C-alpha atoms as a PDB file:
ATOM      1  CA  PHE A   1     -21.333 -15.298  -5.249  1.00  0.00           C
ATOM      2  CA  ASN A   2     -21.069 -18.194  -7.728  1.00  0.00           C
ATOM      3  CA  GLU A   3     -24.447 -17.292  -9.263  1.00  0.00           C
ATOM      4  CA  LEU A   4     -23.107 -13.942 -10.422  1.00  0.00           C
ATOM      5  CA  SER A   5     -21.659 -13.421 -13.867  1.00  0.00           C
ATOM      6  CA  LYS A   6     -17.916 -12.970 -14.224  1.00  0.00           C
ATOM      7  CA  SER A   7     -18.289  -9.207 -14.714  1.00  0.00           C
ATOM      8  CA  GLN A   8     -20.554  -8.925 -11.660  1.00  0.00           C
ATOM      9  CA  ARG A   9     -18.022 -10.838  -9.535  1.00  0.00           C
ATOM     10  CA  TRP A  10     -15.280  -8.550 -10.813  1.00  0.00           C
ATOM     11  CA  ILE A  11     -17.285  -5.470  -9.804  1.00  0.00           C
ATOM     12  CA  TRP A  12     -17.854  -6.836  -6.299  1.00  0.00           C
ATOM     13  CA  MET A  13     -14.178  -7.705  -5.901  1.00  0.00           C
ATOM     14  CA  VAL A  14     -13.072  -4.223  -6.971  1.00  0.00           C
ATOM     15  CA  LEU A  15     -15.652  -2.736  -4.602  1.00  0.00           C
ATOM     16  CA  LEU A  16     -14.286  -4.901  -1.786  1.00  0.00           C
ATOM     17  CA  VAL A  17     -10.739  -3.679  -2.420  1.00  0.00           C
ATOM     18  CA  TRP A  18     -11.740  -0.007  -2.497  1.00  0.00           C
ATOM     19  CA  ALA A  19     -13.941  -0.361   0.565  1.00  0.00           C
ATOM     20  CA  THR A  20     -11.013  -1.790   2.518  1.00  0.00           C
ATOM     21  CA  VAL A  21      -8.774   1.053   1.294  1.00  0.00           C
ATOM     22  CA  THR A  22     -11.325   3.500   2.697  1.00  0.00           C
ATOM     23  CA  VAL A  23     -11.427   1.638   5.995  1.00  0.00           C
ATOM     24  CA  GLY A  24      -7.624   1.762   6.109  1.00  0.00           C
ATOM     25  CA  SER A  25      -7.757   5.558   5.993  1.00  0.00           C
ATOM     26  CA  LEU A  26     -10.244   5.631   8.853  1.00  0.00           C
ATOM     27  CA  PHE A  27      -7.699   3.975  11.171  1.00  0.00           C
ATOM     28  CA  ALA A  28      -5.222   6.845  10.802  1.00  0.00           C
ATOM     29  CA  GLY A  29      -6.155   8.445  14.126  1.00  0.00           C
ATOM     30  CA  PRO A  30      -5.511   5.426  16.338  1.00  0.00           C
ATOM     31  CA  ALA A  31      -2.550   4.339  14.192  1.00  0.00           C
ATOM     32  CA  GLU A  32      -0.734   7.638  14.778  1.00  0.00           C
ATOM     33  CA  ARG A  33       0.614   6.038  17.952  1.00  0.00           C
ATOM     34  CA  LEU A  34       2.594   3.535  15.900  1.00  0.00           C
ATOM     35  CA  GLY A  35       6.302   4.171  16.151  1.00  0.00           C
ATOM     36  CA  THR A  36       8.739   3.643  13.320  1.00  0.00           C
ATOM     37  CA  ARG A  37       8.923  -0.086  13.994  1.00  0.00           C
ATOM     38  CA  GLY A  38       5.118  -0.267  14.091  1.00  0.00           C
ATOM     39  CA  LEU A  39       4.953   1.461  10.716  1.00  0.00           C
ATOM     40  CA  ALA A  40       7.541  -1.005   9.414  1.00  0.00           C
ATOM     41  CA  ALA A  41       5.425  -3.918  10.667  1.00  0.00           C
ATOM     42  CA  LEU A  42       2.317  -2.421   9.025  1.00  0.00           C
ATOM     43  CA  ILE A  43       4.089  -2.121   5.667  1.00  0.00           C
ATOM     44  CA  ALA A  44       5.617  -5.599   5.908  1.00  0.00           C
ATOM     45  CA  GLY A  45       2.262  -7.130   6.864  1.00  0.00           C
ATOM     46  CA  ALA A  46       0.542  -5.373   3.979  1.00  0.00           C
ATOM     47  CA  ALA A  47       3.237  -6.531   1.548  1.00  0.00           C
ATOM     48  CA  LEU A  48       2.880 -10.125   2.713  1.00  0.00           C
ATOM     49  CA  ALA A  49      -0.923  -9.934   2.469  1.00  0.00           C
ATOM     50  CA  LEU A  50      -0.554  -8.625  -1.082  1.00  0.00           C
ATOM     51  CA  ALA A  51       1.872 -11.376  -2.069  1.00  0.00           C
ATOM     52  CA  VAL A  52      -0.248 -14.156  -0.592  1.00  0.00           C
ATOM     53  CA  GLY A  53      -3.530 -12.688  -1.824  1.00  0.00           C
ATOM     54  CA  ALA A  54      -2.268 -12.221  -5.371  1.00  0.00           C
ATOM     55  CA  GLY A  55      -0.608 -15.609  -5.340  1.00  0.00           C
ATOM     56  CA  VAL A  56      -3.660 -17.645  -4.355  1.00  0.00           C
ATOM     57  CA  ARG A  57      -5.903 -16.086  -7.027  1.00  0.00           C
ATOM     58  CA  THR A  58      -9.201 -16.733  -5.211  1.00  0.00           C
ATOM     59  CA  PRO A  59     -11.922 -14.479  -3.754  1.00  0.00           C
ATOM     60  CA  ALA A  60     -10.227 -14.898  -0.365  1.00  0.00           C
ATOM     61  CA  GLY A  61      -7.037 -13.765  -2.050  1.00  0.00           C
ATOM     62  CA  ILE A  62      -8.814 -10.649  -3.287  1.00  0.00           C
ATOM     63  CA  ALA A  63      -9.821  -9.953   0.315  1.00  0.00           C
ATOM     64  CA  LEU A  64      -6.135 -10.170   1.264  1.00  0.00           C
ATOM     65  CA  VAL A  65      -5.252  -7.808  -1.589  1.00  0.00           C
ATOM     66  CA  GLY A  66      -7.855  -5.394  -0.246  1.00  0.00           C
ATOM     67  CA  LEU A  67      -6.390  -5.722   3.248  1.00  0.00           C
ATOM     68  CA  ALA A  68      -2.940  -5.037   1.804  1.00  0.00           C
ATOM     69  CA  PHE A  69      -4.129  -1.918  -0.004  1.00  0.00           C
ATOM     70  CA  ALA A  70      -5.796  -0.762   3.220  1.00  0.00           C
ATOM     71  CA  GLY A  71      -2.465  -1.162   4.995  1.00  0.00           C
ATOM     72  CA  PHE A  72      -0.629   0.746   2.265  1.00  0.00           C
ATOM     73  CA  GLN A  73      -3.234   3.528   2.365  1.00  0.00           C
ATOM     74  CA  LEU A  74      -2.889   3.760   6.139  1.00  0.00           C
ATOM     75  CA  ALA A  75       0.906   3.858   5.849  1.00  0.00           C
ATOM     76  CA  GLU A  76       0.684   6.664   3.279  1.00  0.00           C
ATOM     77  CA  VAL A  77      -1.624   8.712   5.489  1.00  0.00           C
ATOM     78  CA  LEU A  78       0.676   8.168   8.475  1.00  0.00           C
ATOM     79  CA  ALA A  79       3.724   9.198   6.434  1.00  0.00           C
ATOM     80  CA  ASP A  80       1.916  12.380   5.355  1.00  0.00           C
ATOM     81  CA  VAL A  81       0.981  13.149   8.969  1.00  0.00           C
ATOM     82  CA  ARG A  82       4.563  12.602  10.128  1.00  0.00           C
ATOM     83  CA  LEU A  83       5.827  14.899   7.402  1.00  0.00           C
ATOM     84  CA  GLN A  84       3.347  17.588   8.464  1.00  0.00           C
ATOM     85  CA  HIS A  85       4.526  17.339  12.075  1.00  0.00           C
ATOM     86  CA  ARG A  86       8.206  17.620  11.177  1.00  0.00           C
ATOM     87  CA  ILE A  87       8.203  20.703   8.989  1.00  0.00           C
ATOM     88  CA  ASP A  88       7.711  24.279  10.050  1.00  0.00           C
ATOM     89  CA  ASP A  89       4.997  26.521   8.655  1.00  0.00           C
ATOM     90  CA  ALA A  90       7.365  28.522   6.444  1.00  0.00           C
ATOM     91  CA  ARG A  91       8.345  25.453   4.432  1.00  0.00           C
ATOM     92  CA  ARG A  92       5.157  23.411   4.652  1.00  0.00           C
ATOM     93  CA  ALA A  93       3.682  24.236   1.225  1.00  0.00           C
ATOM     94  CA  THR A  94       6.940  23.687  -0.644  1.00  0.00           C
ATOM     95  CA  LEU A  95       7.886  20.448   1.098  1.00  0.00           C
ATOM     96  CA  THR A  96       4.439  18.894   0.852  1.00  0.00           C
ATOM     97  CA  SER A  97       4.336  19.809  -2.847  1.00  0.00           C
ATOM     98  CA  VAL A  98       7.732  18.215  -3.437  1.00  0.00           C
ATOM     99  CA  ALA A  99       6.656  15.134  -1.475  1.00  0.00           C
ATOM    100  CA  SER A 100       3.473  14.888  -3.563  1.00  0.00           C
ATOM    101  CA  LEU A 101       5.477  15.226  -6.760  1.00  0.00           C
ATOM    102  CA  GLY A 102       7.770  12.435  -5.587  1.00  0.00           C
ATOM    103  CA  THR A 103       4.782  10.231  -4.814  1.00  0.00           C
ATOM    104  CA  GLU A 104       3.290  10.856  -8.252  1.00  0.00           C
ATOM    105  CA  LEU A 105       6.601  10.148 -10.019  1.00  0.00           C
ATOM    106  CA  VAL A 106       6.973   6.862  -8.148  1.00  0.00           C
ATOM    107  CA  THR A 107       3.370   5.971  -8.994  1.00  0.00           C
ATOM    108  CA  VAL A 108       3.886   6.591 -12.709  1.00  0.00           C
ATOM    109  CA  THR A 109       7.128   4.582 -12.578  1.00  0.00           C
ATOM    110  CA  VAL A 110       5.327   1.678 -10.902  1.00  0.00           C
ATOM    111  CA  PHE A 111       2.623   1.780 -13.589  1.00  0.00           C
ATOM    112  CA  GLY A 112       5.369   1.568 -16.217  1.00  0.00           C
ATOM    113  CA  VAL A 113       7.073  -1.332 -14.452  1.00  0.00           C
ATOM    114  CA  TYR A 114       3.727  -3.071 -14.068  1.00  0.00           C
ATOM    115  CA  ALA A 115       3.008  -2.648 -17.780  1.00  0.00           C
ATOM    116  CA  ALA A 116       6.452  -3.934 -18.753  1.00  0.00           C
ATOM    117  CA  LEU A 117       6.304  -6.957 -16.446  1.00  0.00           C
ATOM    118  CA  GLY A 118       2.629  -7.614 -17.175  1.00  0.00           C
ATOM    119  CA  ALA A 119       3.384  -8.027 -20.866  1.00  0.00           C
ATOM    120  CA  SER A 120       5.143 -11.318 -20.166  1.00  0.00           C
ATOM    121  CA  LEU A 121       4.064 -12.389 -16.666  1.00  0.00           C
ATOM    122  CA  ALA A 122       0.757 -13.159 -14.987  1.00  0.00           C
ATOM    123  CA  HIS A 123      -0.741 -10.260 -13.055  1.00  0.00           C
ATOM    124  CA  SER A 124      -0.506 -12.258  -9.833  1.00  0.00           C
ATOM    125  CA  THR A 125       3.229 -12.723 -10.411  1.00  0.00           C
ATOM    126  CA  VAL A 126       3.707  -8.998 -11.046  1.00  0.00           C
ATOM    127  CA  PHE A 127       1.896  -8.176  -7.799  1.00  0.00           C
ATOM    128  CA  VAL A 128       4.175 -10.544  -5.910  1.00  0.00           C
ATOM    129  CA  ILE A 129       7.275  -8.978  -7.499  1.00  0.00           C
ATOM    130  CA  LEU A 130       6.052  -5.478  -6.688  1.00  0.00           C
ATOM    131  CA  CYS A 131       5.816  -6.444  -2.994  1.00  0.00           C
ATOM    132  CA  LEU A 132       9.603  -6.447  -2.792  1.00  0.00           C
ATOM    133  CA  PRO A 133      10.073  -2.653  -2.570  1.00  0.00           C
ATOM    134  CA  TYR A 134       7.547  -2.572   0.274  1.00  0.00           C
ATOM    135  CA  LEU A 135       9.454  -5.281   2.121  1.00  0.00           C
ATOM    136  CA  VAL A 136      12.744  -3.425   1.620  1.00  0.00           C
ATOM    137  CA  THR A 137      11.115  -0.222   2.910  1.00  0.00           C
ATOM    138  CA  ALA A 138       9.776  -2.077   5.948  1.00  0.00           C
ATOM    139  CA  LEU A 139      13.224  -3.545   6.624  1.00  0.00           C
ATOM    140  CA  VAL A 140      14.905  -0.121   6.403  1.00  0.00           C
ATOM    141  CA  LEU A 141      12.282   1.419   8.711  1.00  0.00           C
ATOM    142  CA  GLY A 142      12.564  -1.492  11.140  1.00  0.00           C
ATOM    143  CA  VAL A 143      16.337  -1.137  11.366  1.00  0.00           C
ATOM    144  CA  ARG A 144      16.038   2.640  11.725  1.00  0.00           C
ATOM    145  CA  GLY A 145      13.374   2.215  14.406  1.00  0.00           C
ATOM    146  CA  ARG A 146      15.607  -0.142  16.350  1.00  0.00           C
ATOM    147  CA  ARG A 147      18.389   2.490  16.428  1.00  0.00           C
ATOM    148  CA  GLY A 148      16.137   5.370  17.467  1.00  0.00           C
END
């Protein structure tokens, strides 16, 4: 790995992250058995992997970032599946469209926040900061899962 140029290492690291995201999607079937608290643990674990991986700024850290993105991808697929199971056929198209719009609006907002924070902070620091909403989401789901 050290013999590669900086751009070649970058390509391999990006490939590693996207490969793990793909693998995360492939676990959707078995992960459907996760309850609300299991989903909360998945999101919290992914957020912590992202924070640690971004913070250490090494190739091993990039592997943790990839693992985190895999966890987030899996959580998104599971959330989509749960939405599909909860809505009836008459409302399915409208509700999934609204949910997709919401996801896209949040994504664009996060890009804006990332750009604003990234102008004055290191990228690793921005990644760590952006773990906080995931941790809050995991906490809310964990509390909700404990009640139900």
